[in-house]
Structures are given as C-alpha cells and as structure tokens.
C-alpha cells in the first residue's frame, strides 16, 4: 500500500466523512433504507456507532504506536467488534450519536494534525489511518 499524505487524510475527513450525516438525512426514506441495507446496519445510529467505535480504537492504537513504534497493528474479529460497538452505543439517542460522531471526527482531524511527519510516515501508523479514514470511507461512501 502506498503511504497516504496528511492532506489525503484531512481531505477525506472534511469532504467525505463530515457531510455524511447531512447527506444521509437528505435521502428519502426508501433511499435511507436501501443505503442501510447495503451497509448491513438496521439503523443509521448503528452505522454511526460502528464508525465511532473504530475511530476511538484507532486513536488509542495510534497513541500506543506513537509511544512504542515497534508495536504491530492489532488483529480484530471485525464482526464481534462491530456487534459490541452497536451494543455499547445503543443507549444513546440518534442526536447524541450524531454529536459524538462529529466529536470523534474532529478528534481524528486533531490526531492527523498533531502527528509529526516522521510519525505520519511510520508504516503501521499510516496503515491504520488509511484503513480508518480512507478505506473505511470507501465502504460507507454516500455521495
């Protein structure tokens, strides 16, 4: 995988992820249902919970790799992680999840801007950010 630049990460967070909620809300009810079915989530809140959980985990993992660059990327049981994420955030209202989504998106922006060039170029950090921000967007893209 080719390393991604700070600008590529920030562009995805600003021009892909930031307008996701508004774009979803502008869809008709049948379009929303079709999008969610394609995503594999019953509700938009469940999809947001999934995204938030991965971003929170990503911030933690990148912090650990900044402290110890020899750490490898962790392995995940993705289905289990996603199910736990939806369950963990299920008590929150849709409005609260939207607010948390935006807070976490901003935390990702802050993370990207706080990384030194050397940290951003570090293979495991760049790879994790690629999967969390760019590759993940291709899975949930709504244009």
N, C-alpha and C. Protein backbone atom coordinates (compact mmCIF):
# COMPACT_ATOMS: atom_id res chain seq x y z
N UNK A 1 0.84 -1.18 0.00
CA UNK A 1 0.00 0.00 0.00
C UNK A 1 0.89 1.25 0.00
N UNK A 2 0.54 2.17 -0.84
CA UNK A 2 1.26 3.45 -0.90
C UNK A 2 0.88 4.31 0.30
N UNK A 3 1.88 4.91 0.92
CA UNK A 3 1.60 5.77 2.08
C UNK A 3 0.75 6.95 1.66
N UNK A 4 -0.15 7.32 2.56
CA UNK A 4 -1.05 8.44 2.31
C UNK A 4 -0.53 9.68 3.02
N UNK A 5 -0.84 10.82 2.44
CA UNK A 5 -0.35 12.09 2.98
C UNK A 5 -1.32 12.66 4.00
N UNK A 6 -0.84 13.58 4.78
CA UNK A 6 -1.68 14.30 5.74
C UNK A 6 -2.87 14.93 5.01
N UNK A 7 -2.60 15.52 3.85
CA UNK A 7 -3.66 16.18 3.08
C UNK A 7 -4.73 15.19 2.63
N UNK A 8 -4.34 13.97 2.26
CA UNK A 8 -5.32 12.97 1.85
C UNK A 8 -6.22 12.58 3.01
N UNK A 9 -5.62 12.39 4.18
CA UNK A 9 -6.43 12.05 5.35
C UNK A 9 -7.38 13.18 5.70
N UNK A 10 -6.86 14.39 5.74
CA UNK A 10 -7.69 15.54 6.11
C UNK A 10 -8.79 15.79 5.08
N UNK A 11 -8.49 15.58 3.81
CA UNK A 11 -9.49 15.74 2.76
C UNK A 11 -10.64 14.75 2.95
N UNK A 12 -10.31 13.51 3.25
CA UNK A 12 -11.35 12.51 3.46
C UNK A 12 -12.22 12.85 4.66
N UNK A 13 -11.59 13.30 5.73
CA UNK A 13 -12.34 13.66 6.94
C UNK A 13 -13.24 14.88 6.70
N UNK A 14 -12.78 15.82 5.87
CA UNK A 14 -13.54 17.05 5.63
C UNK A 14 -14.58 16.88 4.53
N UNK A 15 -14.23 16.21 3.47
CA UNK A 15 -15.11 16.19 2.30
C UNK A 15 -15.89 14.89 2.12
N UNK A 16 -15.50 13.87 2.84
CA UNK A 16 -16.24 12.62 2.81
C UNK A 16 -17.03 12.43 4.09
N UNK A 17 -16.30 12.28 5.19
CA UNK A 17 -16.94 11.98 6.48
C UNK A 17 -17.76 13.12 7.04
N UNK A 18 -17.29 14.36 6.95
CA UNK A 18 -18.00 15.47 7.59
C UNK A 18 -19.44 15.61 7.09
N UNK A 19 -19.69 15.56 5.79
CA UNK A 19 -21.08 15.74 5.33
C UNK A 19 -21.93 14.46 5.33
N UNK A 20 -21.41 13.35 5.86
CA UNK A 20 -22.16 12.09 5.82
C UNK A 20 -23.54 12.21 6.44
N UNK A 21 -23.63 12.78 7.63
CA UNK A 21 -24.92 12.85 8.33
C UNK A 21 -25.92 13.66 7.51
N UNK A 22 -25.50 14.83 7.06
CA UNK A 22 -26.41 15.68 6.28
C UNK A 22 -26.84 14.99 4.99
N UNK A 23 -25.91 14.36 4.32
CA UNK A 23 -26.27 13.65 3.07
C UNK A 23 -27.27 12.54 3.34
N UNK A 24 -27.06 11.80 4.42
CA UNK A 24 -27.99 10.72 4.76
C UNK A 24 -29.37 11.29 5.04
N UNK A 25 -29.42 12.36 5.82
CA UNK A 25 -30.70 12.95 6.20
C UNK A 25 -31.45 13.52 5.00
N UNK A 26 -30.75 13.86 3.94
CA UNK A 26 -31.39 14.40 2.74
C UNK A 26 -31.97 13.31 1.84
N UNK A 27 -31.63 12.06 2.13
CA UNK A 27 -32.19 10.96 1.33
C UNK A 27 -33.65 10.74 1.69
N UNK A 28 -34.41 10.25 0.74
CA UNK A 28 -35.79 9.85 1.04
C UNK A 28 -35.75 8.63 1.94
N UNK A 29 -36.87 8.33 2.57
CA UNK A 29 -36.94 7.16 3.46
C UNK A 29 -36.56 5.87 2.73
N UNK A 30 -37.07 5.63 1.52
CA UNK A 30 -36.65 4.40 0.81
C UNK A 30 -35.15 4.40 0.48
N UNK A 31 -34.60 5.55 0.15
CA UNK A 31 -33.16 5.63 -0.14
C UNK A 31 -32.34 5.37 1.13
N UNK A 32 -32.81 5.89 2.26
CA UNK A 32 -32.12 5.63 3.53
C UNK A 32 -32.12 4.13 3.84
N UNK A 33 -33.27 3.52 3.68
CA UNK A 33 -33.39 2.08 3.94
C UNK A 33 -32.47 1.29 3.03
N UNK A 34 -32.44 1.63 1.76
CA UNK A 34 -31.58 0.92 0.80
C UNK A 34 -30.11 1.09 1.16
N UNK A 35 -29.71 2.30 1.54
CA UNK A 35 -28.32 2.56 1.93
C UNK A 35 -27.95 1.72 3.15
N UNK A 36 -28.80 1.73 4.17
CA UNK A 36 -28.52 0.99 5.39
C UNK A 36 -28.47 -0.51 5.14
N UNK A 37 -29.36 -1.01 4.28
CA UNK A 37 -29.32 -2.43 3.93
C UNK A 37 -28.00 -2.78 3.26
N UNK A 38 -27.55 -1.92 2.37
CA UNK A 38 -26.26 -2.12 1.69
C UNK A 38 -25.11 -2.11 2.69
N UNK A 39 -25.23 -1.28 3.72
CA UNK A 39 -24.19 -1.18 4.74
C UNK A 39 -24.23 -2.34 5.73
N UNK A 40 -25.36 -3.00 5.83
CA UNK A 40 -25.51 -4.10 6.77
C UNK A 40 -25.92 -3.67 8.16
N UNK A 41 -26.54 -2.49 8.26
CA UNK A 41 -26.99 -1.97 9.55
C UNK A 41 -28.47 -1.66 9.48
N UNK A 42 -29.17 -1.94 10.58
CA UNK A 42 -30.61 -1.73 10.62
C UNK A 42 -30.98 -0.26 10.75
N UNK A 43 -30.10 0.51 11.40
CA UNK A 43 -30.38 1.93 11.63
C UNK A 43 -29.14 2.77 11.35
N UNK A 44 -29.37 4.05 11.14
CA UNK A 44 -28.26 4.97 10.95
C UNK A 44 -27.46 5.09 12.24
N UNK A 45 -28.14 5.03 13.37
CA UNK A 45 -27.45 5.08 14.66
C UNK A 45 -26.47 3.91 14.80
N UNK A 46 -26.86 2.74 14.36
CA UNK A 46 -25.97 1.57 14.43
C UNK A 46 -24.75 1.78 13.54
N UNK A 47 -24.96 2.33 12.36
CA UNK A 47 -23.83 2.62 11.47
C UNK A 47 -22.89 3.63 12.11
N UNK A 48 -23.45 4.70 12.69
CA UNK A 48 -22.60 5.69 13.35
C UNK A 48 -21.86 5.08 14.53
N UNK A 49 -22.51 4.21 15.28
CA UNK A 49 -21.85 3.54 16.41
C UNK A 49 -20.64 2.75 15.92
N UNK A 50 -20.80 2.06 14.84
CA UNK A 50 -19.72 1.30 14.23
C UNK A 50 -18.54 2.21 13.86
N UNK A 51 -18.82 3.31 13.21
CA UNK A 51 -17.77 4.24 12.79
C UNK A 51 -17.08 4.86 14.00
N UNK A 52 -17.86 5.32 14.96
CA UNK A 52 -17.31 5.94 16.17
C UNK A 52 -16.38 4.97 16.89
N UNK A 53 -16.82 3.74 17.06
CA UNK A 53 -16.01 2.76 17.79
C UNK A 53 -14.67 2.51 17.10
N UNK A 54 -14.69 2.38 15.78
CA UNK A 54 -13.43 2.16 15.06
C UNK A 54 -12.52 3.38 15.19
N UNK A 55 -13.08 4.58 15.11
CA UNK A 55 -12.26 5.78 15.25
C UNK A 55 -11.69 5.89 16.66
N UNK A 56 -12.50 5.59 17.67
CA UNK A 56 -11.99 5.63 19.04
C UNK A 56 -10.85 4.63 19.21
N UNK A 57 -11.04 3.45 18.70
CA UNK A 57 -9.99 2.43 18.79
C UNK A 57 -8.75 2.88 18.01
N UNK A 58 -8.97 3.46 16.85
CA UNK A 58 -7.84 3.93 16.05
C UNK A 58 -7.03 4.98 16.77
N UNK A 59 -7.69 5.92 17.42
CA UNK A 59 -6.97 6.95 18.18
C UNK A 59 -6.13 6.31 19.28
N UNK A 60 -6.69 5.34 19.97
CA UNK A 60 -5.96 4.66 21.04
C UNK A 60 -4.77 3.88 20.49
N UNK A 61 -4.98 3.16 19.42
CA UNK A 61 -3.90 2.35 18.84
C UNK A 61 -2.78 3.25 18.32
N UNK A 62 -3.13 4.33 17.66
CA UNK A 62 -2.10 5.26 17.16
C UNK A 62 -1.33 5.86 18.33
N UNK A 63 -2.01 6.20 19.41
CA UNK A 63 -1.31 6.73 20.59
C UNK A 63 -0.33 5.70 21.13
N UNK A 64 -0.72 4.44 21.16
CA UNK A 64 0.17 3.38 21.63
C UNK A 64 1.38 3.24 20.70
N UNK A 65 1.14 3.34 19.40
CA UNK A 65 2.24 3.21 18.43
C UNK A 65 3.16 4.42 18.47
N UNK A 66 2.62 5.59 18.80
CA UNK A 66 3.47 6.77 18.96
C UNK A 66 4.40 6.57 20.15
N UNK A 67 3.89 5.98 21.21
CA UNK A 67 4.70 5.74 22.41
C UNK A 67 5.69 4.60 22.20
N UNK A 68 5.30 3.62 21.39
CA UNK A 68 6.17 2.47 21.13
C UNK A 68 6.07 2.11 19.65
N UNK A 69 6.93 2.70 18.81
CA UNK A 69 6.86 2.47 17.37
C UNK A 69 7.04 1.00 16.95
N UNK A 70 7.51 0.15 17.86
CA UNK A 70 7.69 -1.26 17.49
C UNK A 70 6.39 -2.07 17.57
N UNK A 71 5.35 -1.47 18.11
CA UNK A 71 4.07 -2.18 18.20
C UNK A 71 3.52 -2.47 16.80
N UNK A 72 2.97 -3.66 16.67
CA UNK A 72 2.35 -4.05 15.40
C UNK A 72 0.87 -3.70 15.44
N UNK A 73 0.27 -3.64 14.28
CA UNK A 73 -1.17 -3.42 14.20
C UNK A 73 -1.89 -4.61 14.83
N UNK A 74 -2.88 -4.37 15.66
CA UNK A 74 -3.60 -5.49 16.29
C UNK A 74 -4.50 -6.21 15.29
N UNK A 75 -4.80 -7.44 15.61
CA UNK A 75 -5.78 -8.22 14.83
C UNK A 75 -7.14 -8.08 15.50
N UNK A 76 -8.19 -8.16 14.71
CA UNK A 76 -9.54 -7.98 15.22
C UNK A 76 -10.46 -9.06 14.68
N UNK A 77 -11.43 -9.43 15.48
CA UNK A 77 -12.59 -10.16 15.00
C UNK A 77 -13.58 -9.05 14.65
N UNK A 78 -13.62 -8.68 13.40
CA UNK A 78 -14.36 -7.50 12.95
C UNK A 78 -15.84 -7.60 13.28
N UNK A 79 -16.43 -8.74 13.03
CA UNK A 79 -17.86 -8.90 13.30
C UNK A 79 -18.17 -8.72 14.78
N UNK A 80 -17.33 -9.29 15.62
CA UNK A 80 -17.52 -9.16 17.07
C UNK A 80 -17.32 -7.71 17.50
N UNK A 81 -16.28 -7.06 16.98
CA UNK A 81 -16.02 -5.66 17.31
C UNK A 81 -17.22 -4.80 16.93
N UNK A 82 -17.75 -5.00 15.74
CA UNK A 82 -18.89 -4.21 15.27
C UNK A 82 -20.13 -4.45 16.12
N UNK A 83 -20.38 -5.70 16.47
CA UNK A 83 -21.54 -6.01 17.30
C UNK A 83 -21.42 -5.35 18.67
N UNK A 84 -20.23 -5.42 19.27
CA UNK A 84 -20.03 -4.77 20.57
C UNK A 84 -20.20 -3.26 20.47
N UNK A 85 -19.76 -2.68 19.36
CA UNK A 85 -19.88 -1.23 19.17
C UNK A 85 -21.35 -0.82 19.14
N UNK A 86 -22.13 -1.54 18.38
CA UNK A 86 -23.56 -1.22 18.27
C UNK A 86 -24.22 -1.37 19.63
N UNK A 87 -23.90 -2.42 20.34
CA UNK A 87 -24.47 -2.64 21.68
C UNK A 87 -24.03 -1.55 22.66
N UNK A 88 -22.75 -1.20 22.63
CA UNK A 88 -22.22 -0.21 23.57
C UNK A 88 -22.90 1.15 23.43
N UNK A 89 -23.18 1.54 22.19
CA UNK A 89 -23.76 2.86 21.95
C UNK A 89 -25.29 2.84 21.84
N UNK A 90 -25.89 1.68 21.96
CA UNK A 90 -27.35 1.59 21.78
C UNK A 90 -28.16 2.44 22.77
N UNK A 91 -27.68 2.71 23.99
CA UNK A 91 -28.47 3.56 24.88
C UNK A 91 -28.55 5.02 24.43
N UNK A 92 -27.68 5.45 23.54
CA UNK A 92 -27.66 6.85 23.13
C UNK A 92 -28.74 7.14 22.09
N UNK A 93 -29.28 8.34 22.14
CA UNK A 93 -30.25 8.77 21.14
C UNK A 93 -29.55 9.02 19.81
N UNK A 94 -30.34 9.11 18.77
CA UNK A 94 -29.78 9.43 17.46
C UNK A 94 -29.05 10.76 17.47
N UNK A 95 -29.62 11.76 18.13
CA UNK A 95 -28.99 13.08 18.20
C UNK A 95 -27.67 13.01 18.96
N UNK A 96 -27.64 12.24 20.04
CA UNK A 96 -26.40 12.10 20.81
C UNK A 96 -25.33 11.39 20.00
N UNK A 97 -25.73 10.40 19.22
CA UNK A 97 -24.76 9.70 18.37
C UNK A 97 -24.22 10.60 17.27
N UNK A 98 -25.07 11.42 16.72
CA UNK A 98 -24.60 12.36 15.69
C UNK A 98 -23.59 13.33 16.30
N UNK A 99 -23.87 13.82 17.49
CA UNK A 99 -22.94 14.72 18.16
C UNK A 99 -21.62 14.00 18.47
N UNK A 100 -21.70 12.77 18.96
CA UNK A 100 -20.50 12.01 19.26
C UNK A 100 -19.71 11.69 18.00
N UNK A 101 -20.41 11.39 16.92
CA UNK A 101 -19.76 11.15 15.62
C UNK A 101 -18.93 12.37 15.23
N UNK A 102 -19.52 13.55 15.31
CA UNK A 102 -18.80 14.77 14.92
C UNK A 102 -17.64 15.04 15.88
N UNK A 103 -17.84 14.81 17.15
CA UNK A 103 -16.75 14.99 18.12
C UNK A 103 -15.59 14.05 17.79
N UNK A 104 -15.92 12.81 17.47
CA UNK A 104 -14.87 11.84 17.16
C UNK A 104 -14.21 12.14 15.82
N UNK A 105 -14.99 12.65 14.85
CA UNK A 105 -14.40 13.04 13.56
C UNK A 105 -13.38 14.15 13.79
N UNK A 106 -13.74 15.11 14.64
CA UNK A 106 -12.81 16.20 14.95
C UNK A 106 -11.57 15.68 15.67
N UNK A 107 -11.76 14.68 16.52
CA UNK A 107 -10.61 14.07 17.21
C UNK A 107 -9.67 13.42 16.19
N UNK A 108 -10.23 12.85 15.15
CA UNK A 108 -9.39 12.27 14.10
C UNK A 108 -8.62 13.37 13.36
N UNK A 109 -9.28 14.49 13.10
CA UNK A 109 -8.59 15.63 12.47
C UNK A 109 -7.45 16.10 13.37
N UNK A 110 -7.74 16.25 14.65
CA UNK A 110 -6.71 16.68 15.61
C UNK A 110 -5.55 15.69 15.65
N UNK A 111 -5.86 14.41 15.61
CA UNK A 111 -4.81 13.39 15.60
C UNK A 111 -3.91 13.56 14.37
N UNK A 112 -4.51 13.69 13.22
CA UNK A 112 -3.74 13.82 11.97
C UNK A 112 -2.86 15.07 12.03
N UNK A 113 -3.41 16.17 12.48
CA UNK A 113 -2.63 17.41 12.51
C UNK A 113 -1.55 17.39 13.59
N UNK A 114 -1.73 16.56 14.63
CA UNK A 114 -0.74 16.51 15.72
C UNK A 114 0.44 15.60 15.41
N UNK A 115 0.29 14.73 14.45
CA UNK A 115 1.37 13.80 14.13
C UNK A 115 2.53 14.53 13.47
N UNK A 116 3.74 14.20 13.89
CA UNK A 116 4.92 14.73 13.19
C UNK A 116 4.98 14.05 11.83
N UNK A 117 5.79 14.59 10.93
CA UNK A 117 5.95 13.96 9.62
C UNK A 117 6.48 12.54 9.77
N UNK A 118 7.43 12.35 10.68
CA UNK A 118 8.00 11.01 10.89
C UNK A 118 6.95 10.04 11.41
N UNK A 119 6.10 10.49 12.33
CA UNK A 119 5.04 9.62 12.85
C UNK A 119 4.04 9.27 11.75
N UNK A 120 3.67 10.25 10.96
CA UNK A 120 2.71 10.01 9.89
C UNK A 120 3.29 9.04 8.85
N UNK A 121 4.58 9.10 8.62
CA UNK A 121 5.24 8.22 7.66
C UNK A 121 5.53 6.83 8.21
N UNK A 122 5.41 6.67 9.53
CA UNK A 122 5.65 5.36 10.15
C UNK A 122 4.64 4.37 9.59
N UNK A 123 5.12 3.29 9.02
CA UNK A 123 4.27 2.33 8.31
C UNK A 123 3.01 1.90 9.03
N UNK A 124 3.11 1.36 10.26
CA UNK A 124 1.90 0.92 10.94
C UNK A 124 0.91 2.06 11.25
N UNK A 125 1.41 3.23 11.59
CA UNK A 125 0.51 4.37 11.85
C UNK A 125 -0.19 4.78 10.57
N UNK A 126 0.56 4.94 9.50
CA UNK A 126 -0.03 5.35 8.23
C UNK A 126 -1.04 4.32 7.76
N UNK A 127 -0.71 3.05 7.92
CA UNK A 127 -1.62 1.98 7.50
C UNK A 127 -2.91 2.02 8.31
N UNK A 128 -2.81 2.15 9.62
CA UNK A 128 -4.01 2.19 10.46
C UNK A 128 -4.89 3.37 10.07
N UNK A 129 -4.28 4.53 9.87
CA UNK A 129 -5.05 5.70 9.48
C UNK A 129 -5.68 5.52 8.10
N UNK A 130 -4.96 4.88 7.21
CA UNK A 130 -5.51 4.60 5.88
C UNK A 130 -6.80 3.78 6.02
N UNK A 131 -6.73 2.71 6.80
CA UNK A 131 -7.91 1.85 6.95
C UNK A 131 -9.05 2.57 7.67
N UNK A 132 -8.73 3.37 8.69
CA UNK A 132 -9.76 4.05 9.46
C UNK A 132 -10.42 5.19 8.69
N UNK A 133 -9.67 5.89 7.88
CA UNK A 133 -10.18 7.12 7.27
C UNK A 133 -10.50 6.95 5.79
N UNK A 134 -9.57 6.46 5.02
CA UNK A 134 -9.76 6.42 3.56
C UNK A 134 -10.46 5.14 3.12
N UNK A 135 -9.92 3.99 3.51
CA UNK A 135 -10.53 2.73 3.10
C UNK A 135 -11.92 2.58 3.70
N UNK A 136 -12.06 2.96 4.96
CA UNK A 136 -13.36 2.86 5.63
C UNK A 136 -14.40 3.72 4.91
N UNK A 137 -13.97 4.89 4.42
CA UNK A 137 -14.90 5.75 3.69
C UNK A 137 -15.41 5.06 2.42
N UNK A 138 -14.53 4.35 1.73
CA UNK A 138 -14.98 3.67 0.51
C UNK A 138 -16.04 2.62 0.80
N UNK A 139 -16.05 2.09 2.04
CA UNK A 139 -17.06 1.11 2.43
C UNK A 139 -18.41 1.77 2.76
N UNK A 140 -18.37 3.02 3.20
CA UNK A 140 -19.59 3.69 3.67
C UNK A 140 -19.93 4.95 2.87
N UNK A 141 -19.28 5.13 1.78
CA UNK A 141 -19.43 6.35 0.99
C UNK A 141 -20.88 6.62 0.62
N UNK A 142 -21.26 7.85 0.79
CA UNK A 142 -22.59 8.31 0.43
C UNK A 142 -22.42 9.64 -0.27
N UNK A 143 -22.65 9.62 -1.57
CA UNK A 143 -22.45 10.87 -2.30
C UNK A 143 -23.73 11.34 -2.96
